[in-house]
Structure formats: C-alpha cells, structure tokens
N, C-alpha and C. Protein backbone atom coordinates (compact mmCIF):
# COMPACT_ATOMS: atom_id res chain seq x y z
N MET A 1 -17.66 -20.91 -8.45
CA MET A 1 -18.05 -20.50 -7.11
C MET A 1 -16.94 -20.90 -6.14
N PRO A 2 -16.57 -20.02 -5.22
CA PRO A 2 -15.52 -20.35 -4.26
C PRO A 2 -15.89 -21.57 -3.41
N THR A 3 -14.89 -22.36 -3.08
CA THR A 3 -15.13 -23.51 -2.22
C THR A 3 -14.26 -23.36 -0.97
N GLU A 4 -14.52 -22.33 -0.23
CA GLU A 4 -13.80 -22.06 1.01
C GLU A 4 -14.55 -22.69 2.17
N PRO A 5 -13.85 -23.07 3.22
CA PRO A 5 -14.52 -23.66 4.37
C PRO A 5 -15.17 -22.62 5.27
N CYS A 6 -16.21 -23.03 5.95
CA CYS A 6 -16.81 -22.20 6.98
C CYS A 6 -15.78 -22.07 8.10
N GLU A 7 -15.49 -20.85 8.51
CA GLU A 7 -14.46 -20.63 9.53
C GLU A 7 -14.95 -20.96 10.94
N VAL A 8 -16.24 -21.21 11.09
CA VAL A 8 -16.78 -21.51 12.41
C VAL A 8 -16.90 -23.01 12.63
N CYS A 9 -17.50 -23.73 11.68
CA CYS A 9 -17.81 -25.13 11.97
C CYS A 9 -17.01 -26.15 11.17
N SER A 10 -16.21 -25.74 10.20
CA SER A 10 -15.37 -26.71 9.50
C SER A 10 -14.24 -27.15 10.41
N THR A 11 -13.92 -28.42 10.33
CA THR A 11 -12.81 -28.98 11.12
C THR A 11 -11.91 -29.77 10.18
N ASP A 12 -10.84 -30.32 10.73
CA ASP A 12 -9.96 -31.17 9.93
C ASP A 12 -10.70 -32.42 9.44
N GLU A 13 -11.67 -32.87 10.23
CA GLU A 13 -12.42 -34.07 9.89
C GLU A 13 -13.62 -33.81 9.00
N GLN A 14 -14.17 -32.60 9.03
CA GLN A 14 -15.38 -32.31 8.27
C GLN A 14 -15.30 -30.95 7.59
N PHE A 15 -15.48 -30.95 6.27
CA PHE A 15 -15.48 -29.72 5.49
C PHE A 15 -16.92 -29.25 5.33
N VAL A 16 -17.17 -27.98 5.68
CA VAL A 16 -18.47 -27.36 5.46
C VAL A 16 -18.21 -26.12 4.61
N ARG A 17 -18.85 -26.05 3.45
CA ARG A 17 -18.59 -24.96 2.50
C ARG A 17 -19.18 -23.65 2.98
N ALA A 18 -18.37 -22.60 2.93
CA ALA A 18 -18.84 -21.25 3.25
C ALA A 18 -19.67 -20.74 2.08
N THR A 19 -20.79 -20.09 2.40
CA THR A 19 -21.67 -19.56 1.36
C THR A 19 -21.77 -18.04 1.44
N VAL A 20 -21.34 -17.46 2.57
CA VAL A 20 -21.42 -16.01 2.77
C VAL A 20 -20.16 -15.52 3.47
N PHE A 21 -19.98 -14.20 3.44
CA PHE A 21 -18.89 -13.55 4.14
C PHE A 21 -19.48 -12.48 5.04
N CYS A 22 -19.23 -12.55 6.35
CA CYS A 22 -19.69 -11.53 7.28
C CYS A 22 -18.64 -10.42 7.28
N VAL A 23 -19.04 -9.26 6.76
CA VAL A 23 -18.12 -8.14 6.65
C VAL A 23 -17.72 -7.65 8.04
N ASP A 24 -18.67 -7.62 8.96
CA ASP A 24 -18.38 -7.12 10.31
C ASP A 24 -17.40 -8.01 11.06
N CYS A 25 -17.53 -9.31 10.93
CA CYS A 25 -16.65 -10.26 11.65
C CYS A 25 -15.45 -10.68 10.82
N ARG A 26 -15.50 -10.39 9.50
CA ARG A 26 -14.44 -10.80 8.58
C ARG A 26 -14.25 -12.31 8.60
N GLN A 27 -15.40 -13.02 8.48
CA GLN A 27 -15.37 -14.48 8.49
C GLN A 27 -16.21 -15.04 7.35
N ARG A 28 -15.70 -16.14 6.79
CA ARG A 28 -16.49 -16.93 5.85
C ARG A 28 -17.38 -17.85 6.66
N LEU A 29 -18.66 -17.93 6.29
CA LEU A 29 -19.62 -18.71 7.07
C LEU A 29 -20.50 -19.57 6.17
N CYS A 30 -20.96 -20.70 6.70
CA CYS A 30 -21.95 -21.51 6.01
C CYS A 30 -23.33 -20.91 6.29
N ASP A 31 -24.36 -21.44 5.63
CA ASP A 31 -25.71 -20.90 5.84
C ASP A 31 -26.13 -20.96 7.31
N ARG A 32 -25.87 -22.09 7.94
CA ARG A 32 -26.28 -22.27 9.35
C ARG A 32 -25.58 -21.27 10.28
N CYS A 33 -24.28 -21.13 10.13
CA CYS A 33 -23.53 -20.23 11.01
C CYS A 33 -23.81 -18.76 10.72
N SER A 34 -24.31 -18.46 9.53
CA SER A 34 -24.59 -17.06 9.19
C SER A 34 -25.89 -16.54 9.80
N LEU A 35 -26.77 -17.43 10.22
CA LEU A 35 -28.07 -16.99 10.73
C LEU A 35 -27.99 -16.00 11.88
N PRO A 36 -27.19 -16.25 12.92
CA PRO A 36 -27.12 -15.26 14.01
C PRO A 36 -26.58 -13.91 13.54
N HIS A 37 -25.69 -13.93 12.56
CA HIS A 37 -25.11 -12.68 12.06
C HIS A 37 -26.16 -11.82 11.36
N LYS A 38 -27.13 -12.47 10.79
CA LYS A 38 -28.20 -11.76 10.09
C LYS A 38 -29.29 -11.25 11.05
N ARG A 39 -29.21 -11.70 12.32
CA ARG A 39 -30.28 -11.38 13.26
C ARG A 39 -29.81 -10.72 14.55
N TRP A 40 -28.60 -10.18 14.60
CA TRP A 40 -28.11 -9.56 15.83
C TRP A 40 -29.10 -8.50 16.30
N LYS A 41 -29.31 -8.45 17.60
CA LYS A 41 -30.18 -7.40 18.16
C LYS A 41 -29.47 -6.07 17.98
N GLY A 42 -30.23 -5.06 17.69
CA GLY A 42 -29.65 -3.74 17.48
C GLY A 42 -29.36 -3.47 16.02
N ARG A 43 -28.50 -4.32 15.43
CA ARG A 43 -28.16 -4.14 14.02
C ARG A 43 -27.61 -5.46 13.48
N ALA A 44 -28.23 -5.93 12.43
CA ALA A 44 -27.73 -7.15 11.78
C ALA A 44 -26.38 -6.85 11.14
N HIS A 45 -25.55 -7.87 11.06
CA HIS A 45 -24.26 -7.73 10.40
C HIS A 45 -24.44 -7.65 8.89
N ASP A 46 -23.43 -7.12 8.23
CA ASP A 46 -23.43 -7.01 6.77
C ASP A 46 -22.90 -8.34 6.22
N VAL A 47 -23.80 -9.18 5.74
CA VAL A 47 -23.45 -10.51 5.26
C VAL A 47 -23.61 -10.54 3.75
N LYS A 48 -22.52 -10.87 3.06
CA LYS A 48 -22.49 -10.88 1.60
C LYS A 48 -22.41 -12.32 1.08
N PRO A 49 -23.11 -12.62 0.00
CA PRO A 49 -23.01 -13.97 -0.57
C PRO A 49 -21.63 -14.21 -1.18
N LEU A 50 -21.17 -15.45 -1.10
CA LEU A 50 -19.91 -15.83 -1.73
C LEU A 50 -20.21 -16.55 -3.04
N ASP A 51 -20.81 -15.83 -3.98
CA ASP A 51 -21.06 -16.40 -5.29
C ASP A 51 -20.19 -15.68 -6.31
N ALA A 52 -20.12 -16.22 -7.49
CA ALA A 52 -19.22 -15.67 -8.51
C ALA A 52 -19.53 -14.21 -8.83
N GLU A 53 -20.79 -13.86 -8.87
CA GLU A 53 -21.18 -12.48 -9.18
C GLU A 53 -20.71 -11.52 -8.09
N SER A 54 -20.88 -11.90 -6.83
CA SER A 54 -20.45 -11.05 -5.71
C SER A 54 -18.94 -10.91 -5.68
N VAL A 55 -18.24 -12.00 -5.93
CA VAL A 55 -16.78 -11.97 -5.95
C VAL A 55 -16.30 -11.01 -7.02
N ALA A 56 -16.88 -11.08 -8.19
CA ALA A 56 -16.48 -10.20 -9.28
C ALA A 56 -16.75 -8.74 -8.95
N ALA A 57 -17.89 -8.46 -8.33
CA ALA A 57 -18.23 -7.07 -7.97
C ALA A 57 -17.26 -6.50 -6.95
N VAL A 58 -16.91 -7.28 -5.95
CA VAL A 58 -15.99 -6.81 -4.92
C VAL A 58 -14.60 -6.59 -5.50
N LYS A 59 -14.14 -7.52 -6.33
CA LYS A 59 -12.82 -7.36 -6.95
C LYS A 59 -12.78 -6.10 -7.81
N LYS A 60 -13.87 -5.82 -8.52
CA LYS A 60 -13.94 -4.61 -9.35
C LYS A 60 -13.88 -3.37 -8.47
N ASP A 61 -14.62 -3.36 -7.35
CA ASP A 61 -14.60 -2.22 -6.43
C ASP A 61 -13.21 -1.99 -5.87
N VAL A 62 -12.53 -3.06 -5.47
CA VAL A 62 -11.19 -2.94 -4.91
C VAL A 62 -10.23 -2.39 -5.97
N GLN A 63 -10.33 -2.90 -7.19
CA GLN A 63 -9.46 -2.43 -8.26
C GLN A 63 -9.69 -0.95 -8.53
N GLU A 64 -10.94 -0.51 -8.56
CA GLU A 64 -11.25 0.90 -8.79
C GLU A 64 -10.70 1.78 -7.68
N LEU A 65 -10.78 1.32 -6.44
CA LEU A 65 -10.24 2.09 -5.32
C LEU A 65 -8.73 2.25 -5.46
N LYS A 66 -8.06 1.19 -5.86
CA LYS A 66 -6.61 1.24 -6.01
C LYS A 66 -6.21 2.14 -7.18
N LEU A 67 -6.96 2.11 -8.27
CA LEU A 67 -6.63 2.91 -9.44
C LEU A 67 -6.85 4.40 -9.21
N THR A 68 -7.81 4.76 -8.37
CA THR A 68 -8.09 6.18 -8.14
C THR A 68 -7.09 6.82 -7.20
N GLY A 69 -6.30 6.02 -6.50
CA GLY A 69 -5.34 6.57 -5.56
C GLY A 69 -5.98 6.98 -4.24
N LYS A 70 -7.27 6.75 -4.09
CA LYS A 70 -7.98 7.10 -2.86
C LYS A 70 -8.03 5.92 -1.91
N HIS A 71 -7.31 4.89 -2.25
CA HIS A 71 -7.39 3.65 -1.50
C HIS A 71 -6.67 3.75 -0.16
N LYS A 72 -7.40 3.46 0.89
CA LYS A 72 -6.85 3.24 2.22
C LYS A 72 -7.42 1.90 2.64
N PHE A 73 -6.93 1.33 3.73
CA PHE A 73 -7.48 0.05 4.14
C PHE A 73 -8.98 0.19 4.34
N THR A 74 -9.71 -0.69 3.70
CA THR A 74 -11.17 -0.71 3.84
C THR A 74 -11.60 -2.14 4.10
N ILE A 75 -12.85 -2.29 4.38
CA ILE A 75 -13.39 -3.62 4.58
C ILE A 75 -13.31 -4.42 3.29
N PHE A 76 -13.22 -3.72 2.14
CA PHE A 76 -13.05 -4.43 0.87
C PHE A 76 -11.76 -5.23 0.86
N ASP A 77 -10.71 -4.74 1.51
CA ASP A 77 -9.45 -5.48 1.57
C ASP A 77 -9.68 -6.83 2.24
N SER A 78 -10.41 -6.80 3.32
CA SER A 78 -10.66 -8.04 4.06
C SER A 78 -11.49 -9.00 3.22
N PHE A 79 -12.55 -8.50 2.61
CA PHE A 79 -13.43 -9.33 1.81
C PHE A 79 -12.70 -9.86 0.57
N ALA A 80 -11.99 -8.99 -0.10
CA ALA A 80 -11.29 -9.39 -1.33
C ALA A 80 -10.17 -10.38 -1.02
N GLY A 81 -9.51 -10.23 0.10
CA GLY A 81 -8.45 -11.15 0.46
C GLY A 81 -8.95 -12.57 0.66
N VAL A 82 -10.15 -12.69 1.14
CA VAL A 82 -10.74 -14.00 1.35
C VAL A 82 -11.07 -14.66 0.02
N LEU A 83 -11.37 -13.86 -0.97
CA LEU A 83 -11.86 -14.38 -2.23
C LEU A 83 -10.78 -14.59 -3.28
N SER A 84 -9.58 -14.13 -3.01
CA SER A 84 -8.54 -14.23 -4.04
C SER A 84 -7.88 -15.58 -4.05
C-alpha cells in the first residue's frame, strides 16, 4: 500500500498518511481531509482509494491508453503520477 503523505495536513513535523486521491483536486488526502471532498454541494468530488488494488487498476488503464495510441493528457496521468 502506498505510504504517501496527505498533501493538506502533513507537515515537516508530522506525517499523516494519505488514504485517497481526489481526482478533481489532484491531491492525496487522509481520511479526515477527504470528507469535504466527498460532500461538496452540487457535486461530490471523484475520490479514489489509494490501495494496492486501485493503484494496479489505474496503472493498467494508463498503460492501455498509451498502447492504443489514443492517449492524450487525462486525469489518469495525474492519478498515475502520484502513485508511481
């Protein structure tokens, strides 16, 4: 499982592990910081878990896009870059 820091509340003095990735904001977030992203008025953000299964699925999707030649910059680039 990735051990990336939460981009909102981790500091030099305190490490807080990110558990999700907000696709809309392109940020790694801990459970606490992800709550508002899941509850935005109008439309909740697309929040993906940062677990091994999700990482593997996104990497596979990115690889397939690149192999088909239909690849243009997508949100997968942002998500996959965080996980590599």
